[in-house]
Protein backbone atom coordinates (compact mmCIF):
# COMPACT_ATOMS: atom_id res chain seq x y z
CA UNK A 1 198.42 205.30 63.19
CA UNK A 2 201.60 203.89 64.07
CA UNK A 3 200.39 202.81 67.89
CA UNK A 4 197.34 201.17 66.31
CA UNK A 5 199.58 199.32 63.93
CA UNK A 6 201.65 198.47 67.10
CA UNK A 7 198.74 197.24 69.02
CA UNK A 8 197.52 194.83 66.08
CA UNK A 9 200.81 193.26 65.45
CA UNK A 10 200.83 192.33 69.01
CA UNK A 11 197.36 191.14 69.21
CA UNK A 12 198.12 189.14 66.30
CA UNK A 13 201.19 187.38 67.64
CA UNK A 14 199.26 186.70 71.01
CA UNK A 15 196.52 185.03 68.89
CA UNK A 16 199.11 183.19 66.79
CA UNK A 17 200.93 182.06 70.02
CA UNK A 18 197.86 180.68 71.79
CA UNK A 19 197.33 177.73 69.64
CA UNK A 20 201.04 176.89 69.76
CA UNK A 21 201.19 177.20 73.28
CA UNK A 22 197.92 174.62 73.42
CA UNK A 23 200.04 172.24 71.33
CA UNK A 24 203.07 172.43 73.72
CA UNK A 25 200.55 171.64 76.83
CA UNK A 26 201.00 168.59 78.25
CA UNK A 27 198.03 166.08 77.72
CA UNK A 28 195.73 164.41 80.27
CA UNK A 29 196.38 160.82 80.32
CA UNK A 30 193.92 157.65 80.58
CA UNK A 31 195.45 154.12 80.85
CA UNK A 32 193.26 151.35 80.94
CA UNK A 33 194.26 147.73 81.52
CA UNK A 34 192.16 144.63 81.68
CA UNK A 35 192.86 141.44 83.33
CA UNK A 36 193.14 137.67 81.60
CA UNK A 37 191.53 139.28 78.49
CA UNK A 38 191.51 137.20 75.31
CA UNK A 39 192.19 139.40 72.09
CA UNK A 40 189.67 137.02 70.32
CA UNK A 41 186.97 139.07 72.66
CA UNK A 42 187.36 141.95 70.60
CA UNK A 43 185.57 142.07 67.36
CA UNK A 44 187.80 144.80 65.70
CA UNK A 45 190.87 142.68 66.62
CA UNK A 46 189.51 139.33 65.14
CA UNK A 47 188.53 141.31 61.84
CA UNK A 48 192.20 142.76 61.73
CA UNK A 49 193.90 139.48 62.49
CA UNK A 50 191.34 136.98 60.56
CA UNK A 51 189.15 139.17 58.44
CA UNK A 52 186.19 137.74 60.65
CA UNK A 53 184.26 139.94 63.30
CA UNK A 54 183.73 136.75 65.57
CA UNK A 55 185.87 134.57 67.43
CA UNK A 56 186.69 131.11 65.92
CA UNK A 57 184.79 129.92 69.29
CA UNK A 58 181.65 132.02 68.18
CA UNK A 59 179.78 135.23 69.42
CA UNK A 60 181.68 138.15 70.80
CA UNK A 61 180.40 141.62 71.50
CA UNK A 62 182.49 144.87 71.96
CA UNK A 63 181.14 147.79 70.49
CA UNK A 64 183.13 150.17 72.37
CA UNK A 65 186.69 148.76 72.13
CA UNK A 66 186.00 148.50 68.45
CA UNK A 67 184.80 152.34 68.61
CA UNK A 68 188.38 152.91 70.09
CA UNK A 69 190.13 151.51 67.21
CA UNK A 70 188.18 153.83 64.98
CA UNK A 71 189.35 156.59 66.92
CA UNK A 72 192.88 155.79 67.39
CA UNK A 73 195.83 153.56 66.48
CA UNK A 74 195.74 149.67 67.08
CA UNK A 75 198.84 147.97 67.68
CA UNK A 76 197.33 144.57 66.75
CA UNK A 77 200.57 142.61 67.06
CA UNK A 78 201.34 143.56 70.69
CA UNK A 79 202.86 140.81 72.99
CA UNK A 80 203.17 140.61 76.87
CA UNK A 81 206.47 140.34 78.44
CA UNK A 82 205.29 137.59 80.71
CA UNK A 83 202.03 135.50 81.08
CA UNK A 84 201.39 136.36 84.65
CA UNK A 85 199.34 139.26 86.18
CA UNK A 86 202.39 140.63 88.52
CA UNK A 87 205.53 140.35 86.11
CA UNK A 88 203.15 141.61 83.58
CA UNK A 89 202.47 144.55 85.09
CA UNK A 90 205.89 145.04 86.96
CA UNK A 91 207.24 145.21 83.27
CA UNK A 92 204.52 147.94 81.88
CA UNK A 93 204.96 150.09 84.89
CA UNK A 94 208.56 149.98 84.64
CA UNK A 95 209.27 149.70 80.93
CA UNK A 96 211.71 146.90 81.52
CA UNK A 97 211.82 143.22 80.45
CA UNK A 98 211.81 140.80 83.50
CA UNK A 99 215.53 139.91 82.73
CA UNK A 100 216.37 143.59 83.13
CA UNK A 101 214.34 144.29 86.40
CA UNK A 102 214.88 141.19 88.24
CA UNK A 103 211.15 140.49 88.65
CA UNK A 104 210.11 137.05 87.25
CA UNK A 105 206.94 136.21 89.15
CA UNK A 106 204.88 137.03 92.16
CA UNK A 107 207.93 138.43 94.08
CA UNK A 108 207.84 141.35 96.18
CA UNK A 109 210.59 143.63 95.20
CA UNK A 110 211.96 147.38 96.29
CA UNK A 111 212.85 150.44 94.64
CA UNK A 112 216.19 150.92 96.53
CA UNK A 113 218.00 147.88 94.82
CA UNK A 114 221.18 149.24 93.14
CA UNK A 115 219.81 148.52 89.73
CA UNK A 116 216.19 149.96 90.28
CA UNK A 117 214.83 152.60 88.74
CA UNK A 118 211.34 154.83 89.10
CA UNK A 119 208.31 153.54 87.63
CA UNK A 120 206.51 155.61 84.87
CA UNK A 121 203.75 156.97 86.99
CA UNK A 122 206.70 158.17 89.22
CA UNK A 123 208.13 159.70 86.43
CA UNK A 124 205.12 161.35 85.54
CA UNK A 125 204.87 163.12 88.79
CA UNK A 126 208.44 164.44 88.32
CA UNK A 127 207.35 166.07 85.23
CA UNK A 128 204.50 167.75 86.87
CA UNK A 129 201.71 165.29 86.77
CA UNK A 130 199.03 164.62 89.22
CA UNK A 131 198.38 160.43 89.12
CA UNK A 132 195.77 158.60 90.52
CA UNK A 133 194.99 154.91 90.27
CA UNK A 134 191.73 153.00 90.45
CA UNK A 135 191.44 149.37 90.94
CA UNK A 136 194.14 146.43 90.44
CA UNK A 137 197.56 147.52 90.51
CA UNK A 138 199.52 144.25 90.76
CA UNK A 139 203.04 145.56 90.95
CA UNK A 140 204.20 144.18 94.24
CA UNK A 141 206.76 147.00 95.00
CA UNK A 142 207.73 148.05 98.40
CA UNK A 143 210.74 150.30 99.65
CA UNK A 144 213.06 149.46 102.34
CA UNK A 145 213.99 151.66 105.51
CA UNK A 146 216.30 150.79 108.22
CA UNK A 147 216.46 147.18 106.77
CA UNK A 148 212.72 146.52 106.80
CA UNK A 149 210.50 146.70 104.12
CA UNK A 150 207.47 149.10 104.07
CA UNK A 151 204.58 149.60 101.78
CA UNK A 152 205.32 152.03 98.62
CA UNK A 153 202.86 153.57 96.49
CA UNK A 154 203.93 154.63 92.82
CA UNK A 155 200.93 156.64 92.47
CA UNK A 156 200.06 159.99 94.26
CA UNK A 157 196.45 158.70 94.72
CA UNK A 158 194.84 155.44 94.91
CA UNK A 159 191.80 153.71 95.20
CA UNK A 160 192.65 150.42 96.10
CA UNK A 161 190.47 147.40 94.94
CA UNK A 162 191.25 145.48 98.27
CA UNK A 163 189.74 148.29 100.24
CA UNK A 164 186.95 148.68 97.98
CA UNK A 165 185.77 145.01 98.19
CA UNK A 166 186.42 145.22 101.97
CA UNK A 167 183.85 148.17 102.18
CA UNK A 168 181.26 146.19 100.13
CA UNK A 169 181.68 147.89 96.76
CA UNK A 170 181.92 144.60 94.90
CA UNK A 171 179.82 141.30 94.06
CA UNK A 172 182.49 139.06 95.22
CA UNK A 173 185.51 139.31 97.21
CA UNK A 174 188.38 137.57 98.91
CA UNK A 175 190.45 138.86 101.94
CA UNK A 176 191.74 137.86 105.29
CA UNK A 177 189.37 138.25 108.44
CA UNK A 178 190.65 138.79 112.02
CA UNK A 179 187.66 138.64 113.56
CA UNK A 180 183.97 137.11 113.01
CA UNK A 181 180.73 138.41 114.51
CA UNK A 182 182.75 140.44 116.98
CA UNK A 183 184.99 137.67 118.12
CA UNK A 184 188.64 138.03 117.75
CA UNK A 185 190.04 134.70 116.16
CA UNK A 186 193.08 132.94 117.56
CA UNK A 187 194.40 132.80 113.65
CA UNK A 188 192.59 134.49 110.90
CA UNK A 189 190.65 133.41 108.22
CA UNK A 190 193.11 133.17 105.47
CA UNK A 191 191.54 134.40 101.85
CA UNK A 192 188.22 133.73 102.50
CA UNK A 193 185.64 134.22 99.97
CA UNK A 194 182.35 136.22 100.06
CA UNK A 195 179.58 137.45 97.96
CA UNK A 196 178.04 140.75 98.69
CA UNK A 197 174.05 141.04 98.04
CA UNK A 198 172.41 144.05 96.84
CA UNK A 199 171.57 144.87 100.54
CA UNK A 200 175.41 145.10 101.28
CA UNK A 201 174.87 141.76 103.21
CA UNK A 202 178.23 139.53 103.05
CA UNK A 203 177.55 135.60 102.22
CA UNK A 204 180.76 133.80 103.40
CA UNK A 205 182.55 130.66 101.60
CA UNK A 206 184.90 128.83 104.00
CA UNK A 207 184.93 125.34 105.02
CA UNK A 208 186.83 126.12 108.43
CA UNK A 209 184.42 128.85 108.83
CA UNK A 210 181.38 126.53 108.96
CA UNK A 211 183.37 123.97 111.08
CA UNK A 212 184.22 126.73 113.90
CA UNK A 213 180.86 128.61 113.65
CA UNK A 214 177.93 126.38 113.44
CA UNK A 215 175.52 129.31 112.08
CA UNK A 216 177.14 129.30 108.94
CA UNK A 217 176.78 125.76 108.24
CA UNK A 218 175.83 125.04 104.59
CA UNK A 219 176.28 128.51 103.29
CA UNK A 220 178.95 127.69 100.97
CA UNK A 221 176.47 125.00 99.32
CA UNK A 222 173.57 128.01 99.35
CA UNK A 223 175.74 130.35 97.67
CA UNK A 224 177.11 127.58 95.21
CA UNK A 225 173.73 127.07 93.97
CA UNK A 226 172.35 130.69 94.12
CA UNK A 227 174.80 132.12 91.97
CA UNK A 228 175.12 128.90 89.68
CA UNK A 229 178.64 128.38 90.06
CA UNK A 230 181.20 126.28 88.11
CA UNK A 231 184.83 125.92 90.00
CA UNK A 232 187.58 124.30 88.64
CA UNK A 233 187.90 120.69 89.73
CA UNK A 234 190.50 117.78 89.38
CA UNK A 235 188.95 115.05 88.05
CA UNK A 236 191.06 112.35 90.15
CA UNK A 237 190.40 114.45 93.27
CA UNK A 238 186.44 113.94 92.37
CA UNK A 239 183.64 116.24 91.82
CA UNK A 240 183.52 120.00 92.53
CA UNK A 241 182.64 121.12 95.85
CA UNK A 242 181.47 124.66 96.91
CA UNK A 243 185.15 124.99 98.01
CA UNK A 244 186.96 124.04 94.72
CA UNK A 245 189.27 126.59 93.84
CA UNK A 246 188.55 128.79 90.81
CA UNK A 247 185.25 130.31 89.81
CA UNK A 248 184.95 129.59 85.90
CA UNK A 249 181.45 130.45 85.35
CA UNK A 250 178.30 131.87 87.43
CA UNK A 251 176.31 135.09 87.93
CA UNK A 252 177.10 138.19 89.65
CA UNK A 253 175.13 138.81 92.98
CA UNK A 254 174.90 142.68 91.77
CA UNK A 255 173.44 144.25 88.96
CA UNK A 256 175.47 145.68 86.13
CA UNK A 257 177.07 148.88 87.23
CA UNK A 258 177.59 147.71 90.99
CA UNK A 259 180.17 145.27 91.01
CA UNK A 260 183.81 146.06 91.70
CA UNK A 261 184.55 147.27 87.86
CA UNK A 262 181.06 149.06 87.92
CA UNK A 263 182.30 151.03 90.86
CA UNK A 264 185.91 151.90 89.64
CA UNK A 265 183.90 153.57 86.75
CA UNK A 266 181.47 155.20 89.01
CA UNK A 267 184.61 156.55 91.13
CA UNK A 268 186.09 158.05 88.01
CA UNK A 269 183.14 159.85 86.97
CA UNK A 270 182.76 161.40 90.22
CA UNK A 271 186.16 162.09 90.58
CA UNK A 272 186.27 163.97 87.28
CA UNK A 273 183.07 165.91 88.72
CA UNK A 274 184.54 166.63 91.77
CA UNK A 275 185.67 170.15 92.42
CA UNK A 276 186.85 170.03 96.28
CA UNK A 277 190.13 169.82 97.40
CA UNK A 278 189.55 165.97 98.41
CA UNK A 279 187.62 163.33 97.21
CA UNK A 280 186.16 160.36 99.18
CA UNK A 281 184.43 156.96 98.33
CA UNK A 282 183.81 154.49 100.72
CA UNK A 283 186.46 154.62 103.48
CA UNK A 284 189.10 156.08 101.10
CA UNK A 285 190.26 159.60 100.60
CA UNK A 286 192.40 160.98 97.97
CA UNK A 287 193.25 164.71 96.87
CA UNK A 288 190.94 166.31 94.47
CA UNK A 289 192.17 167.24 90.92
CA UNK A 290 194.54 170.19 90.71
CA UNK A 291 193.83 172.31 87.80
CA UNK A 292 197.24 173.65 87.48
CA UNK A 293 198.66 170.11 86.69
CA UNK A 294 198.40 167.57 83.92
CA UNK A 295 196.45 164.45 85.09
CA UNK A 296 197.37 160.83 84.79
CA UNK A 297 194.46 158.58 85.57
CA UNK A 298 195.29 154.68 85.52
CA UNK A 299 192.13 152.41 85.83
CA UNK A 300 193.23 148.52 86.35
CA UNK A 301 190.12 146.42 85.66
CA UNK A 302 189.60 143.14 87.22
CA UNK A 303 187.10 141.37 84.40
CA UNK A 304 187.51 139.02 83.05
CA UNK A 305 190.15 137.43 85.48
CA UNK A 306 188.35 134.79 87.86
CA UNK A 307 185.75 134.75 89.41
CA UNK A 308 184.04 134.87 85.98
CA UNK A 309 180.61 136.32 87.34
CA UNK A 310 178.91 138.46 84.65
CA UNK A 311 175.71 140.47 85.60
CA UNK A 312 172.69 138.74 85.26
CA UNK A 313 171.47 140.82 82.02
CA UNK A 314 174.43 140.06 80.57
CA UNK A 315 174.68 136.47 81.37
CA UNK A 316 170.98 135.59 80.20
CA UNK A 317 171.73 137.16 76.70
CA UNK A 318 175.11 135.09 76.06
CA UNK A 319 173.21 131.94 77.15
CA UNK A 320 171.54 132.11 73.72
CA UNK A 321 174.64 131.70 72.02
CA UNK A 322 176.44 128.04 71.45
CA UNK A 323 180.18 128.23 70.97
CA UNK A 324 182.75 125.90 69.37
CA UNK A 325 184.79 124.33 72.43
CA UNK A 326 188.35 124.44 71.43
CA UNK A 327 189.41 120.83 70.43
CA UNK A 328 192.16 118.93 72.38
CA UNK A 329 193.54 116.21 71.24
CA UNK A 330 195.41 113.92 73.98
CA UNK A 331 198.04 113.49 71.50
CA UNK A 332 199.48 116.83 72.25
CA UNK A 333 200.68 115.90 75.61
CA UNK A 334 203.08 113.84 73.86
CA UNK A 335 205.06 116.42 72.50
CA UNK A 336 204.12 119.14 74.69
CA UNK A 337 207.20 120.41 76.73
CA UNK A 338 207.18 119.72 80.40
CA UNK A 339 207.01 122.89 81.77
CA UNK A 340 203.95 123.55 79.34
CA UNK A 341 202.51 120.18 80.64
CA UNK A 342 202.99 121.38 84.47
CA UNK A 343 200.84 124.44 83.73
CA UNK A 344 198.03 122.34 81.82
CA UNK A 345 197.95 119.84 84.29
CA UNK A 346 197.41 122.20 87.08
CA UNK A 347 194.47 123.85 85.13
CA UNK A 348 193.17 120.86 83.03
CA UNK A 349 189.64 121.28 81.73
CA UNK A 350 189.07 118.71 79.01
CA UNK A 351 187.32 116.59 81.50
CA UNK A 352 184.51 118.87 81.99
CA UNK A 353 181.50 118.06 80.37
CA UNK A 354 180.43 119.63 77.06
CA UNK A 355 177.71 121.50 79.41
CA UNK A 356 180.36 122.56 81.68
CA UNK A 357 182.83 123.96 78.95
CA UNK A 358 179.67 125.59 77.33
CA UNK A 359 178.88 127.39 80.50
CA UNK A 360 182.43 128.39 80.80
CA UNK A 361 182.65 130.29 77.53
CA UNK A 362 179.52 132.04 77.54
CA UNK A 363 180.11 133.39 80.89
CA UNK A 364 183.59 134.65 79.89
CA UNK A 365 182.54 136.17 76.97
CA UNK A 366 179.38 137.63 78.53
CA UNK A 367 181.89 138.98 81.17
CA UNK A 368 184.10 140.89 78.51
CA UNK A 369 180.96 142.43 76.87
CA UNK A 370 179.98 143.96 80.19
CA UNK A 371 183.43 145.18 80.73
CA UNK A 372 183.40 146.55 77.39
CA UNK A 373 180.35 148.79 78.26
CA UNK A 374 182.52 149.86 81.37
CA UNK A 375 185.29 150.82 79.28
CA UNK A 376 183.03 152.91 76.84
CA UNK A 377 181.61 155.04 79.86
CA UNK A 378 185.35 155.73 81.39
CA UNK A 379 186.49 156.69 78.08
CA UNK A 380 183.36 158.84 77.30
CA UNK A 381 183.74 160.54 80.66
CA UNK A 382 187.41 161.25 80.06
CA UNK A 383 186.89 162.76 76.65
CA UNK A 384 184.13 164.86 77.97
CA UNK A 385 185.96 166.22 81.07
CA UNK A 386 188.95 167.23 78.64
CA UNK A 387 186.66 168.86 75.88
CA UNK A 388 185.08 170.91 78.91
CA UNK A 389 188.32 172.03 80.45
CA UNK A 390 189.68 172.82 76.75
CA UNK A 391 192.83 170.12 77.06
CA UNK A 392 194.77 167.80 75.21
CA UNK A 393 194.32 164.18 76.01
CA UNK A 394 196.22 160.71 75.45
CA UNK A 395 194.38 157.35 75.98
CA UNK A 396 195.95 154.16 76.13
CA UNK A 397 194.10 150.96 76.23
CA UNK A 398 195.84 147.67 76.99
CA UNK A 399 193.76 144.59 76.06
CA UNK A 400 194.84 142.41 79.07
CA UNK A 401 197.60 142.04 81.05
CA UNK A 402 197.95 138.50 79.18
CA UNK A 403 195.33 136.25 77.67
CA UNK A 404 193.40 133.23 78.91
CA UNK A 405 192.77 129.65 77.77
CA UNK A 406 189.09 128.09 77.36
CA UNK A 407 190.17 124.48 77.06
CA UNK A 408 192.91 125.51 74.70
CA UNK A 409 195.28 122.98 74.90
CA UNK A 410 192.81 121.40 77.27
CA UNK A 411 193.34 123.58 79.95
CA UNK A 412 192.15 127.35 81.70
CA UNK A 413 194.53 129.78 82.90
CA UNK A 414 197.42 131.64 81.21
CA UNK A 415 201.40 131.31 82.28
CA UNK A 416 202.77 129.94 78.90
CA UNK A 417 203.96 131.85 75.90
CA UNK A 418 201.51 130.14 73.50
CA UNK A 419 199.57 132.89 71.27
CA UNK A 420 196.30 132.74 73.32
CA UNK A 421 198.28 133.45 76.61
CA UNK A 422 200.49 136.38 75.16
CA UNK A 423 198.92 138.27 72.49
CA UNK A 424 197.48 141.36 73.93
CA UNK A 425 196.75 144.29 71.47
CA UNK A 426 197.14 147.95 72.50
CA UNK A 427 194.78 151.04 71.13
CA UNK A 428 196.28 154.53 71.51
CA UNK A 429 194.14 157.45 71.04
CA UNK A 430 195.27 160.96 70.93
CA UNK A 431 193.40 164.47 70.69
CA UNK A 432 196.65 164.91 68.34
CA UNK A 433 195.23 162.62 65.42
CA UNK A 434 198.79 163.44 63.56
CA UNK A 435 200.56 161.04 66.21
CA UNK A 436 198.24 158.45 66.49
CA UNK A 437 195.90 158.76 63.15
CA UNK A 438 192.27 157.44 63.54
CA UNK A 439 191.73 153.92 62.20
CA UNK A 440 195.26 153.14 61.57
CA UNK A 441 196.50 149.53 62.03
CA UNK A 442 200.00 149.03 62.88
CA UNK A 443 201.24 145.06 62.00
CA UNK A 444 204.70 145.47 63.20
CA UNK A 445 205.44 143.58 66.16
CA UNK A 446 205.34 145.81 69.64
CA UNK A 447 205.73 145.07 73.38
CA UNK A 448 204.30 145.72 76.77
CA UNK A 449 207.62 147.70 77.40
CA UNK A 450 206.65 150.40 74.79
CA UNK A 451 203.83 151.57 77.11
CA UNK A 452 206.19 153.56 79.38
CA UNK A 453 208.09 155.46 76.77
CA UNK A 454 205.04 156.14 74.88
CA UNK A 455 203.21 157.90 77.91
CA UNK A 456 206.53 159.62 79.14
CA UNK A 457 207.19 160.77 75.60
CA UNK A 458 203.25 162.12 75.14
CA UNK A 459 204.02 163.97 78.55
CA UNK A 460 206.95 165.92 77.50
CA UNK A 461 210.27 163.69 78.28
CA UNK A 462 213.16 162.92 76.13
CA UNK A 463 213.45 159.41 76.32
CA UNK A 464 216.74 159.68 74.72
CA UNK A 465 218.56 160.95 77.45
CA UNK A 466 220.46 159.15 80.35
CA UNK A 467 217.51 159.82 82.52
CA UNK A 468 215.29 157.42 80.81
CA UNK A 469 218.04 155.07 79.09
CA UNK A 470 216.97 152.34 81.08
CA UNK A 471 213.74 151.87 79.38
CA UNK A 472 213.71 148.84 77.05
CA UNK A 473 210.84 149.92 74.62
CA UNK A 474 209.80 152.33 71.78
CA UNK A 475 207.77 155.17 71.62
CA UNK A 476 204.85 153.85 69.79
CA UNK A 477 203.93 157.23 68.14
CA UNK A 478 207.55 156.53 66.39
CA UNK A 479 206.24 153.12 65.57
CA UNK A 480 203.07 154.34 64.05
CA UNK A 481 205.12 157.10 61.97
CA UNK A 482 207.27 154.30 60.73
CA UNK A 483 210.32 156.25 62.43
CA UNK A 484 211.37 153.30 64.88
CA UNK A 485 213.49 150.34 64.42
CA UNK A 486 211.72 147.35 62.97
CA UNK A 487 211.61 144.06 65.24
CA UNK A 488 212.34 141.06 63.66
CA UNK A 489 211.04 139.30 67.26
CA UNK A 490 209.38 139.95 70.57
CA UNK A 491 210.74 138.28 73.79
CA UNK A 492 209.66 137.54 77.25
CA UNK A 493 210.31 135.56 80.28
CA UNK A 494 208.34 134.22 83.32
CA UNK A 495 208.75 131.73 86.23
CA UNK A 496 205.41 131.63 87.81
CA UNK A 497 203.68 127.91 87.53
CA UNK A 498 205.64 126.51 84.69
CA UNK A 499 209.02 127.61 86.37
CA UNK A 500 211.87 129.56 84.80
CA UNK A 501 211.27 129.78 80.79
CA UNK A 502 211.50 132.57 77.93
CA UNK A 503 210.42 132.75 74.74
CA UNK A 504 211.12 134.37 71.53
CA UNK A 505 208.38 134.80 68.85
CA UNK A 506 209.02 135.97 65.20
CA UNK A 507 206.40 136.50 62.29
CA UNK A 508 206.40 132.82 61.35
CA UNK A 509 207.71 130.95 64.31
CA UNK A 510 207.38 130.79 68.28
CA UNK A 511 210.53 129.16 70.28
CA UNK A 512 210.83 128.71 73.99
CA UNK A 513 213.09 126.89 76.49
CA UNK A 514 213.75 126.55 80.27
CA UNK A 515 216.25 129.06 81.14
CA UNK A 516 217.69 127.44 84.60
CA UNK A 517 217.28 124.48 86.57
CA UNK A 518 215.33 126.38 89.45
CA UNK A 519 214.31 129.40 90.74
CA UNK A 520 217.55 130.29 93.19
CA UNK A 521 218.42 133.52 92.19
CA UNK A 522 222.02 133.97 91.02
CA UNK A 523 222.76 130.40 90.68
CA UNK A 524 223.62 128.66 87.60
CA UNK A 525 222.80 131.98 85.64
CA UNK A 526 224.33 130.84 82.45
CA UNK A 527 223.30 127.12 82.69
CA UNK A 528 221.45 127.12 79.28
CA UNK A 529 224.69 128.01 77.71
CA UNK A 530 225.86 124.23 78.51
CA UNK A 531 222.69 122.17 78.93
CA UNK A 532 221.82 119.69 76.47
CA UNK A 533 218.91 120.52 74.26
CA UNK A 534 216.99 117.88 75.71
CA UNK A 535 217.39 119.58 79.25
CA UNK A 536 216.35 123.01 77.73
CA UNK A 537 212.64 121.20 77.44
CA UNK A 538 212.44 123.29 74.07
CA UNK A 539 209.27 124.08 71.87
CA UNK A 540 209.07 125.19 68.53
CA UNK A 541 206.09 125.85 66.58
CA UNK A 542 205.50 126.96 62.90
CA UNK A 543 202.91 129.34 63.79
CA UNK A 544 202.08 130.37 59.60
CA UNK A 545 200.96 126.48 59.20
CA UNK A 546 199.95 125.63 62.95
CA UNK A 547 198.53 128.75 64.32
CA UNK A 548 197.10 127.10 67.49
CA UNK A 549 200.58 126.54 68.29
CA UNK A 550 199.82 122.32 68.82
CA UNK A 551 202.49 120.54 67.10
CA UNK A 552 205.95 121.08 68.96
CA UNK A 553 208.52 120.49 66.28
CA UNK A 554 211.29 121.18 68.70
CA UNK A 555 212.83 117.84 67.89
CA UNK A 556 212.18 117.57 63.99
CA UNK A 557 215.03 117.38 62.09
CA UNK A 558 213.39 119.61 59.08
CA UNK A 559 213.28 122.46 61.63
CA UNK A 560 216.71 122.10 63.31
CA UNK A 561 218.53 125.14 62.02
CA UNK A 562 215.41 127.47 62.56
CA UNK A 563 215.57 126.11 66.35
CA UNK A 564 219.19 126.31 66.59
CA UNK A 565 219.11 130.08 65.39
CA UNK A 566 216.10 130.94 67.79
CA UNK A 567 217.80 129.39 70.69
CA UNK A 568 221.16 131.02 70.27
CA UNK A 569 219.42 134.39 69.74
CA UNK A 570 217.20 133.79 72.95
CA UNK A 571 219.77 132.58 75.35
CA UNK A 572 222.21 135.35 74.23
CA UNK A 573 219.33 138.06 75.05
CA UNK A 574 217.59 136.78 78.05
CA UNK A 575 220.76 135.63 79.68
CA UNK A 576 223.51 137.45 77.99
CA UNK A 577 222.67 140.90 77.81
CA UNK A 578 222.77 142.52 81.07
CA UNK A 579 220.43 140.02 82.64
CA UNK A 580 219.71 140.91 86.43
CA UNK A 581 218.51 138.58 89.08
CA UNK A 582 218.19 139.78 92.73
CA UNK A 583 217.57 137.86 96.15
CA UNK A 584 214.52 139.78 97.06
CA UNK A 585 213.99 137.73 100.23
CA UNK A 586 210.81 135.61 101.12
CA UNK A 587 207.40 137.05 101.44
CA UNK A 588 206.74 140.81 101.94
CA UNK A 589 209.97 140.82 103.96
CA UNK A 590 211.96 142.45 101.04
CA UNK A 591 215.69 143.55 101.30
CA UNK A 592 217.27 142.45 98.04
CA UNK A 593 220.80 142.71 99.23
CA UNK A 594 221.94 140.43 96.58
CA UNK A 595 222.00 141.45 92.76
CA UNK A 596 223.55 138.88 90.42
CA UNK A 597 224.50 139.96 86.43
CA UNK A 598 225.07 138.03 83.52
CA UNK A 599 226.63 140.07 80.55
CA UNK A 600 228.41 137.67 78.20
CA UNK A 601 226.58 138.90 75.09
CA UNK A 602 226.38 142.64 75.41
CA UNK A 603 224.08 144.12 72.52
CA UNK A 604 222.42 140.63 71.68
CA UNK A 605 218.93 142.41 72.03
CA UNK A 606 219.03 144.22 68.44
CA UNK A 607 215.71 143.25 67.10
CA UNK A 608 217.37 141.44 64.35
CA UNK A 609 216.83 137.95 63.59
CA UNK A 610 216.79 136.28 60.18
CA UNK A 611 215.68 132.76 59.59
């Protein structure tokens, strides 16, 4: 009897231990990031922010992202740290503000600089994860050996979007060509565009190609008409041509599922089903899934970044909808900060006809709807895989590395700290709903620097230790549980297009200034401390009463005290609280020997700002 009792006790302990062991198991993680994605392209986000499902502009369609918000927790007031692709993605991958990493725009940087720290996918690998990247990365990180820069992979396995498009797994591409028709070129065709037909044929778009190879004469015009393209054009330089920059509208050469983004999802689905030691797609081969390791999957979608080319099936449906074109009064230009004005003029669209603007908006939202469908497929495949393997999981969805204008402020593109450029909600779904409750909406401020500590914490890292002290963000699980410090503001800084500029945003105001006179790293780092208010090129918007941020109140006496407080706080944080600038070098020849610091206001970044 004693033996039976002992056996039953042992068996019961074993039975109890299994659920606990499962609870301690590291979750498989899927991280999804879209590109140039406006928050108002998602019905659920609009409902949370305005009470209406549709955008102010009109009809939007997002059933799959809406479903994610029902499955997990939405951090509706998340802001990016830099409204440009490369610096924004660097801040996400590093978990650091630009003024702490020294990455402010599209510069190549390296991992052996004195202040550099591992990206969070590298940290996950050290925690035992196997990591895979599919699609756009955007982080221009290299390594240096013997004084020379070399390519460096922060993911163990990579399906690079550049190689996929070279292999023809795309509807549109843009690459360097070193030979044409079997003939080596004296100098390469730099960034030549092309469309890929359903048969895999390449249709080239290059003025130089047409001049040097008579057989291609007129091919650009044919593609322009065939795909009904709207390109960005400058009114002063004349009407658009097939060689004008930036495709703002048109139709994909491939059907839904066979565009570049479609192939990302196809690769992911096939990879999850693969049981071999290796996995190949096109000319690229990676390691297959190691079942003994937790998995980290990253999908970097390209949509709805230009070229805006939705598949025909989506485009035709969205042509039925008429949109309210964002109004623009040129009086706004008179009070617009010079750096904002620089961006607006470079991407001005208010001279477009109403028909062109309508087409641009229709195709953008059609492209977003197509991408929503792909996101749904990727998430469903991931959840099905984990249920089959009986594994815990975490999904982090980031709605754009920044936003996008559709004639807002009279322009397209991004690069400014206006709300439409920098407001990018995040949704987190966990198989452990206690951490990220289903349907919960968090209205507290959150930032892109929170992504790294959130995923690392879920992976078992103690982010309070010295190893992770460099991380600037918070664990979103703590934010959701109301166990994190409250932010009175969010901050960021970027130098691309506008020139060096930082912003600080509170619940009711957004303030922004020029941070330095030029981009020369290490020079005049504390320039803003002594510069005149006018030279700071200030912007102040009362977002409560002016949600579209049209009326710059920086020189309005009524708001003088608010502007002064926000200016002082912003300068102390981005210029005085452990600021780093690096002489990374030019192009891809990165050495980064010169590291400059400014630390005249340590501890200024305390999340507190009472106005």
